Amino acid sequence: VAVAHTHGHPDHTSGAFQFEKTYLHPADETLTRSYYNEKARRWLLDNVIHRTMPTDFDEGAWIGAALGEVLPLKEGQVFDLGDRQLEVIGLPGHTPGCVCFLERREGLLFSGDSAARSSMWLHAAESMPLSVYYEGMKKLAAMEKDLTLVLPAHGTTPLKPHILTEITEGTGQILRGELVGEPF
């Protein structure tokens, strides 16, 4: 059993230590590893994970957890799950190594944090330029007619595939100066 991640942020990879092998795009491995040390994991527990933990949660084990073997994800790679196949679609932007997983038979796109009906988070220190994200979104929007559902990691899910065109058009408007947002 292995786990494959859409990107390297800790809200997606902090449990990867529970698996012998974890798949991650090489461009995000350094990011993920930066959250596997006592100081970073203590900070995550105290400042990011604001929920009651299960009674059997071992805080010391979680804080001291070590990341196992990291295997590279690459564009076009296919995971055969028996009754489903998931294809890796690269979409750098939110992080340099962001990917989505496409299940072509049923038209399901597992978009991670790359396409959702919520704010798009571009972090100054770890995200790609908006123009890079835009190019990836154009690729996804071109697949829209072949999709049934978009399944993001956060926010409302599932979404209708037209969200991909909406995001692409909005991103293009921002890049052309037709829409102005407010940094948060």
C-alpha atoms as a PDB file:
ATOM      1  CA  VAL A   1       0.000   0.000   0.000  1.00  0.00           C
ATOM      2  CA  ALA A   2       1.326   3.414  -0.954  1.00  0.00           C
ATOM      3  CA  VAL A   3      -0.066   6.929  -1.059  1.00  0.00           C
ATOM      4  CA  ALA A   4       0.173   9.465  -3.886  1.00  0.00           C
ATOM      5  CA  HIS A   5      -0.023  13.190  -3.141  1.00  0.00           C
ATOM      6  CA  THR A   6      -1.314  16.031  -5.287  1.00  0.00           C
ATOM      7  CA  HIS A   7       1.337  18.317  -3.779  1.00  0.00           C
ATOM      8  CA  GLY A   8       3.697  18.737  -0.861  1.00  0.00           C
ATOM      9  CA  HIS A   9       1.843  20.976   1.593  1.00  0.00           C
ATOM     10  CA  PRO A  10       1.600  19.551   5.106  1.00  0.00           C
ATOM     11  CA  ASP A  11      -2.214  19.367   5.124  1.00  0.00           C
ATOM     12  CA  HIS A  12      -1.784  16.759   2.380  1.00  0.00           C
ATOM     13  CA  THR A  13       1.436  14.998   3.377  1.00  0.00           C
ATOM     14  CA  SER A  14       1.660  15.052   7.181  1.00  0.00           C
ATOM     15  CA  GLY A  15       0.279  11.531   7.405  1.00  0.00           C
ATOM     16  CA  ALA A  16       2.576  10.095   4.746  1.00  0.00           C
ATOM     17  CA  PHE A  17       4.832   8.634   7.435  1.00  0.00           C
ATOM     18  CA  GLN A  18       2.190   5.939   7.948  1.00  0.00           C
ATOM     19  CA  PHE A  19       3.084   4.426   4.554  1.00  0.00           C
ATOM     20  CA  GLU A  20       6.312   2.707   3.529  1.00  0.00           C
ATOM     21  CA  LYS A  21       6.176   4.459   0.164  1.00  0.00           C
ATOM     22  CA  THR A  22       4.765   7.804  -0.818  1.00  0.00           C
ATOM     23  CA  TYR A  23       4.532   9.226  -4.316  1.00  0.00           C
ATOM     24  CA  LEU A  24       5.198  12.920  -4.780  1.00  0.00           C
ATOM     25  CA  HIS A  25       6.364  15.097  -7.634  1.00  0.00           C
ATOM     26  CA  PRO A  26      10.123  15.685  -7.179  1.00  0.00           C
ATOM     27  CA  ALA A  27       9.619  19.468  -7.294  1.00  0.00           C
ATOM     28  CA  ASP A  28       7.723  19.244  -3.973  1.00  0.00           C
ATOM     29  CA  GLU A  29       9.910  16.785  -2.076  1.00  0.00           C
ATOM     30  CA  THR A  30      11.991  19.480  -0.351  1.00  0.00           C
ATOM     31  CA  LEU A  31       8.785  21.268   0.704  1.00  0.00           C
ATOM     32  CA  THR A  32       7.349  18.092   2.218  1.00  0.00           C
ATOM     33  CA  ARG A  33      10.587  17.178   3.971  1.00  0.00           C
ATOM     34  CA  SER A  34      10.722  20.685   5.506  1.00  0.00           C
ATOM     35  CA  TYR A  35       7.654  19.716   7.564  1.00  0.00           C
ATOM     36  CA  TYR A  36       9.174  16.467   8.855  1.00  0.00           C
ATOM     37  CA  ASN A  37      11.150  17.755  11.807  1.00  0.00           C
ATOM     38  CA  GLU A  38      10.202  18.295  15.430  1.00  0.00           C
ATOM     39  CA  LYS A  39      10.022  22.110  15.275  1.00  0.00           C
ATOM     40  CA  ALA A  40       7.821  22.226  12.156  1.00  0.00           C
ATOM     41  CA  ARG A  41       5.492  19.461  13.299  1.00  0.00           C
ATOM     42  CA  ARG A  42       5.088  21.032  16.746  1.00  0.00           C
ATOM     43  CA  TRP A  43       4.221  24.331  15.014  1.00  0.00           C
ATOM     44  CA  LEU A  44       1.679  22.570  12.762  1.00  0.00           C
ATOM     45  CA  LEU A  45       0.056  20.866  15.724  1.00  0.00           C
ATOM     46  CA  ASP A  46      -0.118  24.082  17.761  1.00  0.00           C
ATOM     47  CA  ASN A  47      -1.022  26.562  15.001  1.00  0.00           C
ATOM     48  CA  VAL A  48      -2.586  24.806  12.017  1.00  0.00           C
ATOM     49  CA  ILE A  49      -4.341  21.664  13.191  1.00  0.00           C
ATOM     50  CA  HIS A  50      -7.096  23.251  15.254  1.00  0.00           C
ATOM     51  CA  ARG A  51      -9.190  20.209  16.067  1.00  0.00           C
ATOM     52  CA  THR A  52      -9.695  17.693  18.769  1.00  0.00           C
ATOM     53  CA  MET A  53      -7.625  14.625  18.101  1.00  0.00           C
ATOM     54  CA  PRO A  54      -8.849  11.057  18.530  1.00  0.00           C
ATOM     55  CA  THR A  55      -8.236   9.599  21.982  1.00  0.00           C
ATOM     56  CA  ASP A  56      -5.604   7.205  20.581  1.00  0.00           C
ATOM     57  CA  PHE A  57      -3.628   9.993  18.853  1.00  0.00           C
ATOM     58  CA  ASP A  58       0.025   9.762  19.889  1.00  0.00           C
ATOM     59  CA  GLU A  59       1.316  13.328  19.760  1.00  0.00           C
ATOM     60  CA  GLY A  60       4.926  12.325  20.401  1.00  0.00           C
ATOM     61  CA  ALA A  61       4.886   9.714  17.638  1.00  0.00           C
ATOM     62  CA  TRP A  62       3.343  12.214  15.197  1.00  0.00           C
ATOM     63  CA  ILE A  63       5.835  14.955  16.026  1.00  0.00           C
ATOM     64  CA  GLY A  64       8.781  12.556  15.759  1.00  0.00           C
ATOM     65  CA  ALA A  65       7.520  10.806  12.630  1.00  0.00           C
ATOM     66  CA  ALA A  66       9.962  10.187   9.805  1.00  0.00           C
ATOM     67  CA  LEU A  67       8.987  10.301   6.151  1.00  0.00           C
ATOM     68  CA  GLY A  68       9.492   6.951   4.411  1.00  0.00           C
ATOM     69  CA  GLU A  69      10.630   6.327   0.861  1.00  0.00           C
ATOM     70  CA  VAL A  70       9.528   9.047  -1.569  1.00  0.00           C
ATOM     71  CA  LEU A  71       8.965   7.870  -5.133  1.00  0.00           C
ATOM     72  CA  PRO A  72       8.662  10.348  -8.009  1.00  0.00           C
ATOM     73  CA  LEU A  73       5.373  11.197  -9.682  1.00  0.00           C
ATOM     74  CA  LYS A  74       5.608  12.197 -13.316  1.00  0.00           C
ATOM     75  CA  GLU A  75       3.263  13.466 -15.998  1.00  0.00           C
ATOM     76  CA  GLY A  76       1.384  10.617 -17.662  1.00  0.00           C
ATOM     77  CA  GLN A  77       2.227   8.045 -14.987  1.00  0.00           C
ATOM     78  CA  VAL A  78      -0.693   5.664 -14.406  1.00  0.00           C
ATOM     79  CA  PHE A  79      -1.661   3.960 -11.165  1.00  0.00           C
ATOM     80  CA  ASP A  80      -3.593   0.767 -11.829  1.00  0.00           C
ATOM     81  CA  LEU A  81      -5.995   0.233  -8.940  1.00  0.00           C
ATOM     82  CA  GLY A  82      -7.633  -2.822 -10.498  1.00  0.00           C
ATOM     83  CA  ASP A  83     -11.050  -1.444 -11.385  1.00  0.00           C
ATOM     84  CA  ARG A  84      -9.702   2.094 -11.944  1.00  0.00           C
ATOM     85  CA  GLN A  85      -6.676   3.735 -13.405  1.00  0.00           C
ATOM     86  CA  LEU A  86      -5.473   7.130 -12.234  1.00  0.00           C
ATOM     87  CA  GLU A  87      -3.303   9.165 -14.579  1.00  0.00           C
ATOM     88  CA  VAL A  88      -1.005  11.899 -13.281  1.00  0.00           C
ATOM     89  CA  ILE A  89      -1.661  15.319 -14.840  1.00  0.00           C
ATOM     90  CA  GLY A  90       0.946  17.967 -14.000  1.00  0.00           C
ATOM     91  CA  LEU A  91      -0.405  21.350 -12.920  1.00  0.00           C
ATOM     92  CA  PRO A  92       2.339  23.458 -11.341  1.00  0.00           C
ATOM     93  CA  GLY A  93       1.121  26.636  -9.707  1.00  0.00           C
ATOM     94  CA  HIS A  94      -0.066  26.216  -6.123  1.00  0.00           C
ATOM     95  CA  THR A  95       3.282  24.472  -5.662  1.00  0.00           C
ATOM     96  CA  PRO A  96       5.917  23.641  -8.295  1.00  0.00           C
ATOM     97  CA  GLY A  97       5.033  19.939  -8.132  1.00  0.00           C
ATOM     98  CA  CYS A  98       1.241  20.131  -8.064  1.00  0.00           C
ATOM     99  CA  VAL A  99      -0.542  17.339  -9.918  1.00  0.00           C
ATOM    100  CA  CYS A 100      -4.093  16.153 -10.449  1.00  0.00           C
ATOM    101  CA  PHE A 101      -5.254  12.572 -10.863  1.00  0.00           C
ATOM    102  CA  LEU A 102      -7.502  11.733 -13.801  1.00  0.00           C
ATOM    103  CA  GLU A 103      -9.746   8.678 -13.907  1.00  0.00           C
ATOM    104  CA  ARG A 104     -10.669   8.685 -17.614  1.00  0.00           C
ATOM    105  CA  ARG A 105     -13.273   5.885 -17.678  1.00  0.00           C
ATOM    106  CA  GLU A 106     -15.725   7.746 -15.448  1.00  0.00           C
ATOM    107  CA  GLY A 107     -14.382  11.230 -16.155  1.00  0.00           C
ATOM    108  CA  LEU A 108     -13.254  11.997 -12.613  1.00  0.00           C
ATOM    109  CA  LEU A 109     -10.606  14.630 -11.936  1.00  0.00           C
ATOM    110  CA  PHE A 110      -9.081  14.637  -8.452  1.00  0.00           C
ATOM    111  CA  SER A 111      -7.803  18.206  -8.501  1.00  0.00           C
ATOM    112  CA  GLY A 112      -6.149  18.553  -5.083  1.00  0.00           C
ATOM    113  CA  ASP A 113      -5.763  22.278  -4.411  1.00  0.00           C
ATOM    114  CA  SER A 114      -5.417  23.215  -8.096  1.00  0.00           C
ATOM    115  CA  ALA A 115      -9.089  23.608  -9.004  1.00  0.00           C
ATOM    116  CA  ALA A 116     -11.785  24.352  -6.444  1.00  0.00           C
ATOM    117  CA  ARG A 117     -14.616  26.765  -5.782  1.00  0.00           C
ATOM    118  CA  SER A 118     -12.677  28.739  -3.220  1.00  0.00           C
ATOM    119  CA  SER A 119      -9.746  31.102  -2.984  1.00  0.00           C
ATOM    120  CA  MET A 120      -6.659  30.100  -4.942  1.00  0.00           C
ATOM    121  CA  TRP A 121      -3.701  30.224  -2.619  1.00  0.00           C
ATOM    122  CA  LEU A 122      -0.442  31.289  -4.210  1.00  0.00           C
ATOM    123  CA  HIS A 123       2.231  31.502  -1.525  1.00  0.00           C
ATOM    124  CA  ALA A 124       5.038  33.956  -2.181  1.00  0.00           C
ATOM    125  CA  ALA A 125       7.773  31.545  -1.103  1.00  0.00           C
ATOM    126  CA  GLU A 126       6.550  28.279  -2.598  1.00  0.00           C
ATOM    127  CA  SER A 127       4.167  28.878  -5.499  1.00  0.00           C
ATOM    128  CA  MET A 128       4.829  29.340  -9.182  1.00  0.00           C
ATOM    129  CA  PRO A 129       3.988  32.533 -11.096  1.00  0.00           C
ATOM    130  CA  LEU A 130       0.296  32.894 -11.961  1.00  0.00           C
ATOM    131  CA  SER A 131       1.183  32.587 -15.659  1.00  0.00           C
ATOM    132  CA  VAL A 132       2.502  29.036 -15.050  1.00  0.00           C
ATOM    133  CA  TYR A 133      -0.717  28.070 -13.263  1.00  0.00           C
ATOM    134  CA  TYR A 134      -2.737  29.603 -16.124  1.00  0.00           C
ATOM    135  CA  GLU A 135      -1.006  27.408 -18.725  1.00  0.00           C
ATOM    136  CA  GLY A 136      -1.822  24.297 -16.693  1.00  0.00           C
ATOM    137  CA  MET A 137      -5.435  25.364 -16.229  1.00  0.00           C
ATOM    138  CA  LYS A 138      -5.813  25.835 -19.990  1.00  0.00           C
ATOM    139  CA  LYS A 139      -4.733  22.199 -20.364  1.00  0.00           C
ATOM    140  CA  LEU A 140      -7.357  21.071 -17.826  1.00  0.00           C
ATOM    141  CA  ALA A 141     -10.107  23.234 -19.322  1.00  0.00           C
ATOM    142  CA  ALA A 142      -9.465  21.571 -22.697  1.00  0.00           C
ATOM    143  CA  MET A 143     -10.377  18.240 -21.034  1.00  0.00           C
ATOM    144  CA  GLU A 144     -13.653  19.585 -19.644  1.00  0.00           C
ATOM    145  CA  LYS A 145     -15.902  17.865 -22.217  1.00  0.00           C
ATOM    146  CA  ASP A 146     -14.466  14.474 -21.202  1.00  0.00           C
ATOM    147  CA  LEU A 147     -15.077  14.977 -17.487  1.00  0.00           C
ATOM    148  CA  THR A 148     -18.061  14.159 -15.306  1.00  0.00           C
ATOM    149  CA  LEU A 149     -16.897  15.567 -11.965  1.00  0.00           C
ATOM    150  CA  VAL A 150     -14.069  17.584 -10.462  1.00  0.00           C
ATOM    151  CA  LEU A 151     -13.186  16.470  -6.936  1.00  0.00           C
ATOM    152  CA  PRO A 152     -11.096  19.073  -5.086  1.00  0.00           C
ATOM    153  CA  ALA A 153      -9.342  18.491  -1.776  1.00  0.00           C
ATOM    154  CA  HIS A 154     -11.008  21.453  -0.054  1.00  0.00           C
ATOM    155  CA  GLY A 155     -14.307  23.291  -0.209  1.00  0.00           C
ATOM    156  CA  THR A 156     -17.385  22.249  -2.107  1.00  0.00           C
ATOM    157  CA  THR A 157     -17.115  18.850  -3.732  1.00  0.00           C
ATOM    158  CA  PRO A 158     -17.949  17.458  -6.194  1.00  0.00           C
ATOM    159  CA  LEU A 159     -17.977  20.218  -8.798  1.00  0.00           C
ATOM    160  CA  LYS A 160     -19.218  20.299 -12.360  1.00  0.00           C
ATOM    161  CA  PRO A 161     -16.386  20.378 -14.921  1.00  0.00           C
ATOM    162  CA  HIS A 162     -17.237  23.916 -16.111  1.00  0.00           C
ATOM    163  CA  ILE A 163     -15.371  25.140 -13.008  1.00  0.00           C
ATOM    164  CA  LEU A 164     -12.172  24.520 -14.996  1.00  0.00           C
ATOM    165  CA  THR A 165     -13.160  27.032 -17.689  1.00  0.00           C
ATOM    166  CA  GLU A 166     -14.328  29.521 -15.049  1.00  0.00           C
ATOM    167  CA  ILE A 167     -10.985  29.336 -13.252  1.00  0.00           C
ATOM    168  CA  THR A 168      -9.028  29.529 -16.502  1.00  0.00           C
ATOM    169  CA  GLU A 169     -10.971  32.554 -17.735  1.00  0.00           C
ATOM    170  CA  GLY A 170     -10.668  34.296 -14.366  1.00  0.00           C
ATOM    171  CA  THR A 171      -6.932  33.642 -14.233  1.00  0.00           C
ATOM    172  CA  GLY A 172      -6.556  35.041 -17.745  1.00  0.00           C
ATOM    173  CA  GLN A 173      -8.483  38.166 -16.721  1.00  0.00           C
ATOM    174  CA  ILE A 174      -6.172  38.664 -13.747  1.00  0.00           C
ATOM    175  CA  LEU A 175      -3.085  38.285 -15.937  1.00  0.00           C
ATOM    176  CA  ARG A 176      -4.465  40.816 -18.444  1.00  0.00           C
ATOM    177  CA  GLY A 177      -5.261  43.301 -15.661  1.00  0.00           C
ATOM    178  CA  GLU A 178      -9.033  43.008 -16.183  1.00  0.00           C
ATOM    179  CA  LEU A 179      -9.622  41.659 -12.652  1.00  0.00           C
ATOM    180  CA  VAL A 180      -7.825  42.912  -9.586  1.00  0.00           C
ATOM    181  CA  GLY A 181      -7.745  40.949  -6.365  1.00  0.00           C
ATOM    182  CA  GLU A 182      -6.600  41.867  -2.916  1.00  0.00           C
ATOM    183  CA  PRO A 183      -3.610  40.099  -1.390  1.00  0.00           C
ATOM    184  CA  PHE A 184      -4.490  38.270   1.806  1.00  0.00           C
END
